[in-house]
Amino acid sequence: MPQMAGTAALVSGMLSHLRGTLETPISFTLMVHHVVLYKLNPEVTPARVEEMMMNARMQLLKIPEVLSIKCGKRIDSELPWPFFIAIDFESMDKYEIFREDSIFVKFTEEIIKPNTEDSLVLDFEMDPGKDVRFS
């Protein structure tokens, strides 16, 4: 019987250790929702806006720091900002890494700058530790 008690204690200790490694620590990282509103150059056609949206999703999702991306075009033609891109990041540090990424720099130079005349950047703090991929 003493051997059974030792085995039970060993199993109990292993389970306790596994529980500790499986628990997700609470993270207080301030998640960031980055929104950019754009005014388009007058010659930009609706077809070109569709291409910009497609390129934004295809290119920017390749960047590891990007958790999610949304982009779109205005519904009300009276609104001054006809195009937007919204990107979620785990932290401001990840956002800073993103800004230096060669894919983002190339996207900005080849897609954004030739088609836009102005932009408004809005950054928001989201729920601490919320994983936007599952929201």
N, C-alpha and C. Protein backbone atom coordinates (compact mmCIF):
# COMPACT_ATOMS: atom_id res chain seq x y z
N MET A 1 0.80 -1.20 0.00
CA MET A 1 0.00 0.00 0.00
C MET A 1 0.84 1.26 0.00
N PRO A 2 2.00 1.26 0.68
CA PRO A 2 2.78 2.50 0.68
C PRO A 2 3.17 2.92 -0.73
N GLN A 3 3.39 1.93 -1.62
CA GLN A 3 3.76 2.26 -2.99
C GLN A 3 2.59 2.96 -3.70
N MET A 4 1.34 2.56 -3.43
CA MET A 4 0.15 3.18 -4.01
C MET A 4 0.04 4.63 -3.57
N ALA A 5 0.32 4.90 -2.29
CA ALA A 5 0.23 6.26 -1.76
C ALA A 5 1.27 7.14 -2.45
N GLY A 6 2.46 6.59 -2.66
CA GLY A 6 3.52 7.34 -3.34
C GLY A 6 3.14 7.65 -4.78
N THR A 7 2.53 6.67 -5.46
CA THR A 7 2.10 6.86 -6.84
C THR A 7 1.00 7.92 -6.91
N ALA A 8 0.06 7.86 -5.98
CA ALA A 8 -1.03 8.84 -5.95
C ALA A 8 -0.49 10.24 -5.73
N ALA A 9 0.50 10.37 -4.85
CA ALA A 9 1.10 11.69 -4.59
C ALA A 9 1.83 12.19 -5.84
N LEU A 10 2.52 11.28 -6.53
CA LEU A 10 3.23 11.64 -7.75
C LEU A 10 2.26 12.12 -8.83
N VAL A 11 1.18 11.37 -9.04
CA VAL A 11 0.17 11.74 -10.03
C VAL A 11 -0.48 13.07 -9.65
N SER A 12 -0.78 13.24 -8.38
CA SER A 12 -1.38 14.48 -7.91
C SER A 12 -0.45 15.66 -8.18
N GLY A 13 0.83 15.46 -7.91
CA GLY A 13 1.82 16.53 -8.17
C GLY A 13 1.92 16.85 -9.65
N MET A 14 1.88 15.81 -10.49
CA MET A 14 1.95 16.03 -11.94
C MET A 14 0.73 16.79 -12.44
N LEU A 15 -0.45 16.42 -11.95
CA LEU A 15 -1.68 17.11 -12.36
C LEU A 15 -1.65 18.57 -11.92
N SER A 16 -1.16 18.82 -10.73
CA SER A 16 -1.07 20.19 -10.22
C SER A 16 -0.14 21.00 -11.12
N HIS A 17 0.98 20.41 -11.51
CA HIS A 17 1.94 21.09 -12.39
C HIS A 17 1.31 21.37 -13.76
N LEU A 18 0.59 20.38 -14.30
CA LEU A 18 -0.06 20.56 -15.61
C LEU A 18 -1.11 21.66 -15.55
N ARG A 19 -1.90 21.69 -14.47
CA ARG A 19 -2.91 22.75 -14.33
C ARG A 19 -2.24 24.11 -14.35
N GLY A 20 -1.12 24.23 -13.67
CA GLY A 20 -0.41 25.51 -13.61
C GLY A 20 0.11 25.93 -14.97
N THR A 21 0.56 24.98 -15.80
CA THR A 21 1.10 25.34 -17.12
C THR A 21 -0.01 25.57 -18.14
N LEU A 22 -1.19 25.03 -17.92
CA LEU A 22 -2.28 25.20 -18.87
C LEU A 22 -3.10 26.46 -18.64
N GLU A 23 -3.00 27.01 -17.45
CA GLU A 23 -3.77 28.22 -17.17
C GLU A 23 -3.19 29.39 -17.93
N THR A 24 -4.05 30.19 -18.52
CA THR A 24 -3.63 31.37 -19.27
C THR A 24 -3.45 32.52 -18.31
N PRO A 25 -2.28 33.12 -18.29
CA PRO A 25 -2.09 34.26 -17.39
C PRO A 25 -2.93 35.45 -17.87
N ILE A 26 -3.39 36.25 -16.94
CA ILE A 26 -4.16 37.43 -17.30
C ILE A 26 -3.18 38.46 -17.84
N SER A 27 -3.48 38.99 -19.01
CA SER A 27 -2.61 39.97 -19.64
C SER A 27 -3.25 41.34 -19.57
N PHE A 28 -2.45 42.34 -19.24
CA PHE A 28 -2.96 43.69 -19.17
C PHE A 28 -2.39 44.54 -20.30
N THR A 29 -2.03 43.89 -21.40
CA THR A 29 -1.55 44.61 -22.57
C THR A 29 -2.69 45.45 -23.12
N LEU A 30 -2.41 46.68 -23.45
CA LEU A 30 -3.43 47.56 -23.99
C LEU A 30 -3.54 47.33 -25.49
N MET A 31 -4.57 46.64 -25.90
CA MET A 31 -4.77 46.35 -27.30
C MET A 31 -5.12 47.64 -28.03
N VAL A 32 -4.71 47.72 -29.29
CA VAL A 32 -4.85 48.95 -30.06
C VAL A 32 -5.72 48.71 -31.29
N HIS A 33 -6.68 49.61 -31.48
CA HIS A 33 -7.50 49.63 -32.70
C HIS A 33 -7.08 50.89 -33.46
N HIS A 34 -6.44 50.69 -34.59
CA HIS A 34 -5.87 51.76 -35.41
C HIS A 34 -6.79 51.98 -36.61
N VAL A 35 -7.33 53.18 -36.73
CA VAL A 35 -8.25 53.52 -37.81
C VAL A 35 -7.66 54.68 -38.59
N VAL A 36 -7.66 54.55 -39.92
CA VAL A 36 -7.24 55.66 -40.77
C VAL A 36 -8.35 55.94 -41.77
N LEU A 37 -8.81 57.19 -41.77
CA LEU A 37 -9.80 57.64 -42.74
C LEU A 37 -9.06 58.39 -43.84
N TYR A 38 -9.45 58.17 -45.08
CA TYR A 38 -8.75 58.78 -46.21
C TYR A 38 -9.69 59.60 -47.09
N LYS A 39 -9.16 60.71 -47.59
CA LYS A 39 -9.80 61.47 -48.67
C LYS A 39 -9.07 61.04 -49.94
N LEU A 40 -9.83 60.70 -50.96
CA LEU A 40 -9.25 60.20 -52.20
C LEU A 40 -8.98 61.32 -53.19
N ASN A 41 -8.01 61.10 -54.06
CA ASN A 41 -7.78 62.02 -55.16
C ASN A 41 -9.00 62.01 -56.07
N PRO A 42 -9.32 63.13 -56.71
CA PRO A 42 -10.53 63.21 -57.54
C PRO A 42 -10.61 62.17 -58.66
N GLU A 43 -9.48 61.76 -59.18
CA GLU A 43 -9.49 60.82 -60.32
C GLU A 43 -9.65 59.35 -59.91
N VAL A 44 -9.71 59.06 -58.61
CA VAL A 44 -9.83 57.67 -58.14
C VAL A 44 -11.26 57.18 -58.40
N THR A 45 -11.35 56.10 -59.17
CA THR A 45 -12.64 55.52 -59.56
C THR A 45 -13.12 54.52 -58.50
N PRO A 46 -14.41 54.18 -58.52
CA PRO A 46 -14.90 53.12 -57.62
C PRO A 46 -14.16 51.80 -57.81
N ALA A 47 -13.78 51.48 -59.04
CA ALA A 47 -13.03 50.24 -59.29
C ALA A 47 -11.67 50.31 -58.61
N ARG A 48 -11.05 51.47 -58.61
CA ARG A 48 -9.75 51.62 -57.96
C ARG A 48 -9.89 51.47 -56.44
N VAL A 49 -10.98 51.98 -55.89
CA VAL A 49 -11.22 51.82 -54.44
C VAL A 49 -11.34 50.34 -54.11
N GLU A 50 -12.03 49.58 -54.95
CA GLU A 50 -12.14 48.13 -54.73
C GLU A 50 -10.75 47.48 -54.74
N GLU A 51 -9.89 47.90 -55.67
CA GLU A 51 -8.52 47.37 -55.73
C GLU A 51 -7.74 47.73 -54.46
N MET A 52 -7.94 48.95 -53.97
CA MET A 52 -7.25 49.37 -52.75
C MET A 52 -7.68 48.51 -51.57
N MET A 53 -8.97 48.21 -51.49
CA MET A 53 -9.48 47.36 -50.41
C MET A 53 -8.88 45.95 -50.50
N MET A 54 -8.86 45.41 -51.70
CA MET A 54 -8.31 44.07 -51.91
C MET A 54 -6.83 44.04 -51.54
N ASN A 55 -6.08 45.06 -51.99
CA ASN A 55 -4.65 45.12 -51.69
C ASN A 55 -4.40 45.28 -50.21
N ALA A 56 -5.21 46.08 -49.54
CA ALA A 56 -5.04 46.26 -48.09
C ALA A 56 -5.16 44.92 -47.37
N ARG A 57 -6.20 44.17 -47.68
CA ARG A 57 -6.39 42.88 -47.02
C ARG A 57 -5.29 41.89 -47.39
N MET A 58 -4.98 41.80 -48.67
CA MET A 58 -3.98 40.81 -49.12
C MET A 58 -2.59 41.12 -48.59
N GLN A 59 -2.18 42.37 -48.63
CA GLN A 59 -0.82 42.72 -48.24
C GLN A 59 -0.64 42.84 -46.73
N LEU A 60 -1.52 43.59 -46.07
CA LEU A 60 -1.31 43.89 -44.66
C LEU A 60 -1.51 42.68 -43.75
N LEU A 61 -2.33 41.72 -44.18
CA LEU A 61 -2.50 40.50 -43.36
C LEU A 61 -1.26 39.60 -43.38
N LYS A 62 -0.32 39.89 -44.26
CA LYS A 62 0.94 39.14 -44.29
C LYS A 62 1.86 39.55 -43.14
N ILE A 63 1.58 40.69 -42.53
CA ILE A 63 2.43 41.21 -41.47
C ILE A 63 2.04 40.54 -40.15
N PRO A 64 2.99 39.86 -39.50
CA PRO A 64 2.66 39.07 -38.30
C PRO A 64 2.02 39.87 -37.16
N GLU A 65 2.33 41.13 -37.04
CA GLU A 65 1.79 41.94 -35.93
C GLU A 65 0.32 42.28 -36.10
N VAL A 66 -0.22 42.13 -37.31
CA VAL A 66 -1.62 42.47 -37.58
C VAL A 66 -2.51 41.32 -37.09
N LEU A 67 -3.40 41.63 -36.14
CA LEU A 67 -4.34 40.62 -35.66
C LEU A 67 -5.55 40.53 -36.57
N SER A 68 -6.05 41.68 -37.01
CA SER A 68 -7.18 41.70 -37.94
C SER A 68 -7.18 43.02 -38.69
N ILE A 69 -7.83 43.01 -39.84
CA ILE A 69 -7.92 44.22 -40.65
C ILE A 69 -9.31 44.30 -41.25
N LYS A 70 -9.80 45.51 -41.31
CA LYS A 70 -11.06 45.80 -42.00
C LYS A 70 -10.81 47.04 -42.84
N CYS A 71 -11.43 47.10 -43.99
CA CYS A 71 -11.34 48.30 -44.81
C CYS A 71 -12.66 48.42 -45.55
N GLY A 72 -12.96 49.63 -45.99
CA GLY A 72 -14.23 49.81 -46.67
C GLY A 72 -14.37 51.17 -47.29
N LYS A 73 -15.50 51.35 -47.95
CA LYS A 73 -15.81 52.61 -48.63
C LYS A 73 -17.09 53.17 -48.06
N ARG A 74 -17.22 54.48 -48.15
CA ARG A 74 -18.38 55.14 -47.55
C ARG A 74 -19.67 54.76 -48.25
N ILE A 75 -20.74 54.83 -47.51
CA ILE A 75 -22.08 54.59 -48.04
C ILE A 75 -22.71 55.92 -48.44
N ASP A 76 -22.57 56.92 -47.58
CA ASP A 76 -23.14 58.25 -47.81
C ASP A 76 -22.13 59.10 -48.59
N SER A 77 -22.46 59.48 -49.81
CA SER A 77 -21.53 60.22 -50.66
C SER A 77 -21.24 61.63 -50.13
N GLU A 78 -21.99 62.08 -49.15
CA GLU A 78 -21.75 63.40 -48.56
C GLU A 78 -20.63 63.39 -47.52
N LEU A 79 -20.28 62.23 -47.03
CA LEU A 79 -19.23 62.16 -46.01
C LEU A 79 -17.87 62.48 -46.64
N PRO A 80 -17.02 63.21 -45.91
CA PRO A 80 -15.75 63.66 -46.49
C PRO A 80 -14.65 62.60 -46.57
N TRP A 81 -14.83 61.48 -45.91
CA TRP A 81 -13.80 60.43 -45.87
C TRP A 81 -14.33 59.18 -46.57
N PRO A 82 -14.06 58.99 -47.86
CA PRO A 82 -14.67 57.89 -48.61
C PRO A 82 -14.02 56.51 -48.44
N PHE A 83 -12.91 56.42 -47.73
CA PHE A 83 -12.21 55.14 -47.61
C PHE A 83 -11.59 55.04 -46.22
N PHE A 84 -11.61 53.83 -45.64
CA PHE A 84 -10.97 53.63 -44.34
C PHE A 84 -10.26 52.29 -44.28
N ILE A 85 -9.28 52.23 -43.39
CA ILE A 85 -8.60 50.99 -43.03
C ILE A 85 -8.56 50.96 -41.50
N ALA A 86 -8.93 49.82 -40.91
CA ALA A 86 -8.87 49.64 -39.46
C ALA A 86 -8.10 48.36 -39.16
N ILE A 87 -7.12 48.47 -38.29
CA ILE A 87 -6.24 47.34 -37.98
C ILE A 87 -6.14 47.19 -36.47
N ASP A 88 -6.16 45.95 -36.00
CA ASP A 88 -6.02 45.67 -34.59
C ASP A 88 -4.64 45.10 -34.30
N PHE A 89 -4.06 45.59 -33.19
CA PHE A 89 -2.74 45.15 -32.74
C PHE A 89 -2.82 44.74 -31.28
N GLU A 90 -1.95 43.83 -30.90
CA GLU A 90 -1.88 43.35 -29.52
C GLU A 90 -1.40 44.44 -28.56
N SER A 91 -0.57 45.36 -29.06
CA SER A 91 0.00 46.39 -28.20
C SER A 91 0.54 47.53 -29.06
N MET A 92 0.90 48.62 -28.41
CA MET A 92 1.53 49.74 -29.12
C MET A 92 2.89 49.32 -29.66
N ASP A 93 3.57 48.44 -28.96
CA ASP A 93 4.86 47.94 -29.45
C ASP A 93 4.69 47.22 -30.78
N LYS A 94 3.65 46.39 -30.88
CA LYS A 94 3.39 45.66 -32.13
C LYS A 94 3.02 46.64 -33.24
N TYR A 95 2.28 47.69 -32.89
CA TYR A 95 1.91 48.73 -33.86
C TYR A 95 3.17 49.43 -34.39
N GLU A 96 4.10 49.72 -33.51
CA GLU A 96 5.35 50.38 -33.93
C GLU A 96 6.17 49.47 -34.85
N ILE A 97 6.21 48.19 -34.56
CA ILE A 97 6.90 47.23 -35.43
C ILE A 97 6.24 47.22 -36.80
N PHE A 98 4.90 47.19 -36.82
CA PHE A 98 4.12 47.20 -38.06
C PHE A 98 4.49 48.40 -38.92
N ARG A 99 4.60 49.57 -38.32
CA ARG A 99 4.86 50.80 -39.07
C ARG A 99 6.19 50.77 -39.81
N GLU A 100 7.14 49.96 -39.31
CA GLU A 100 8.46 49.84 -39.93
C GLU A 100 8.55 48.67 -40.90
N ASP A 101 7.52 47.84 -40.95
CA ASP A 101 7.55 46.65 -41.78
C ASP A 101 7.62 47.02 -43.26
N SER A 102 8.45 46.33 -44.02
CA SER A 102 8.65 46.66 -45.43
C SER A 102 7.37 46.48 -46.26
N ILE A 103 6.51 45.55 -45.89
CA ILE A 103 5.25 45.35 -46.60
C ILE A 103 4.35 46.58 -46.42
N PHE A 104 4.28 47.10 -45.19
CA PHE A 104 3.47 48.28 -44.92
C PHE A 104 4.05 49.51 -45.63
N VAL A 105 5.35 49.67 -45.58
CA VAL A 105 5.99 50.82 -46.24
C VAL A 105 5.72 50.78 -47.74
N LYS A 106 5.86 49.62 -48.35
CA LYS A 106 5.59 49.48 -49.78
C LYS A 106 4.11 49.74 -50.09
N PHE A 107 3.21 49.21 -49.28
CA PHE A 107 1.77 49.44 -49.46
C PHE A 107 1.46 50.93 -49.41
N THR A 108 2.04 51.61 -48.44
CA THR A 108 1.81 53.06 -48.29
C THR A 108 2.31 53.81 -49.52
N GLU A 109 3.50 53.48 -49.98
CA GLU A 109 4.10 54.19 -51.13
C GLU A 109 3.39 53.89 -52.45
N GLU A 110 2.97 52.64 -52.64
CA GLU A 110 2.41 52.24 -53.94
C GLU A 110 0.89 52.31 -54.03
N ILE A 111 0.20 52.17 -52.92
CA ILE A 111 -1.27 52.13 -52.95
C ILE A 111 -1.88 53.38 -52.33
N ILE A 112 -1.44 53.73 -51.14
CA ILE A 112 -2.08 54.83 -50.41
C ILE A 112 -1.69 56.20 -50.98
N LYS A 113 -0.41 56.52 -51.00
CA LYS A 113 0.02 57.86 -51.41
C LYS A 113 -0.44 58.27 -52.81
N PRO A 114 -0.38 57.41 -53.82
CA PRO A 114 -0.81 57.84 -55.16
C PRO A 114 -2.32 58.06 -55.29
N ASN A 115 -3.11 57.54 -54.36
CA ASN A 115 -4.57 57.60 -54.49
C ASN A 115 -5.27 58.49 -53.47
N THR A 116 -4.53 59.01 -52.50
CA THR A 116 -5.18 59.80 -51.44
C THR A 116 -4.57 61.19 -51.35
N GLU A 117 -5.38 62.12 -50.85
CA GLU A 117 -4.89 63.48 -50.67
C GLU A 117 -4.84 63.92 -49.22
N ASP A 118 -5.49 63.18 -48.34
CA ASP A 118 -5.48 63.52 -46.93
C ASP A 118 -5.88 62.30 -46.12
N SER A 119 -5.50 62.31 -44.83
CA SER A 119 -5.88 61.20 -43.96
C SER A 119 -6.06 61.70 -42.54
N LEU A 120 -6.85 60.94 -41.80
CA LEU A 120 -7.07 61.19 -40.38
C LEU A 120 -6.80 59.89 -39.65
N VAL A 121 -5.82 59.90 -38.75
CA VAL A 121 -5.42 58.70 -38.01
C VAL A 121 -6.03 58.75 -36.62
N LEU A 122 -6.70 57.66 -36.25
CA LEU A 122 -7.33 57.55 -34.93
C LEU A 122 -6.89 56.24 -34.30
N ASP A 123 -6.30 56.31 -33.11
CA ASP A 123 -5.88 55.11 -32.39
C ASP A 123 -6.66 55.01 -31.09
N PHE A 124 -7.19 53.81 -30.83
CA PHE A 124 -8.01 53.58 -29.65
C PHE A 124 -7.46 52.42 -28.84
N GLU A 125 -7.55 52.55 -27.52
CA GLU A 125 -7.21 51.46 -26.61
C GLU A 125 -8.45 50.59 -26.47
N MET A 126 -8.24 49.27 -26.57
CA MET A 126 -9.36 48.34 -26.42
C MET A 126 -9.25 47.63 -25.08
N ASP A 127 -10.18 46.72 -24.84
CA ASP A 127 -10.19 45.95 -23.60
C ASP A 127 -8.83 45.33 -23.35
N PRO A 128 -8.25 45.53 -22.19
CA PRO A 128 -6.97 44.91 -21.89
C PRO A 128 -7.05 43.39 -22.02
N GLY A 129 -6.12 42.84 -22.78
CA GLY A 129 -6.01 41.39 -22.89
C GLY A 129 -7.04 40.72 -23.76
N LYS A 130 -7.95 41.48 -24.41
CA LYS A 130 -8.96 40.86 -25.26
C LYS A 130 -8.32 40.42 -26.57
N ASP A 131 -8.56 39.21 -26.96
CA ASP A 131 -8.02 38.68 -28.20
C ASP A 131 -9.03 38.98 -29.32
N VAL A 132 -8.72 39.97 -30.16
CA VAL A 132 -9.67 40.41 -31.18
C VAL A 132 -9.92 39.36 -32.26
N ARG A 133 -9.05 38.39 -32.38
CA ARG A 133 -9.26 37.35 -33.39
C ARG A 133 -10.51 36.52 -33.09
N PHE A 134 -10.95 36.51 -31.82
CA PHE A 134 -12.09 35.70 -31.44
C PHE A 134 -13.28 36.54 -31.03
N SER A 135 -13.29 37.80 -31.41
CA SER A 135 -14.40 38.67 -31.00
C SER A 135 -15.32 38.96 -32.16
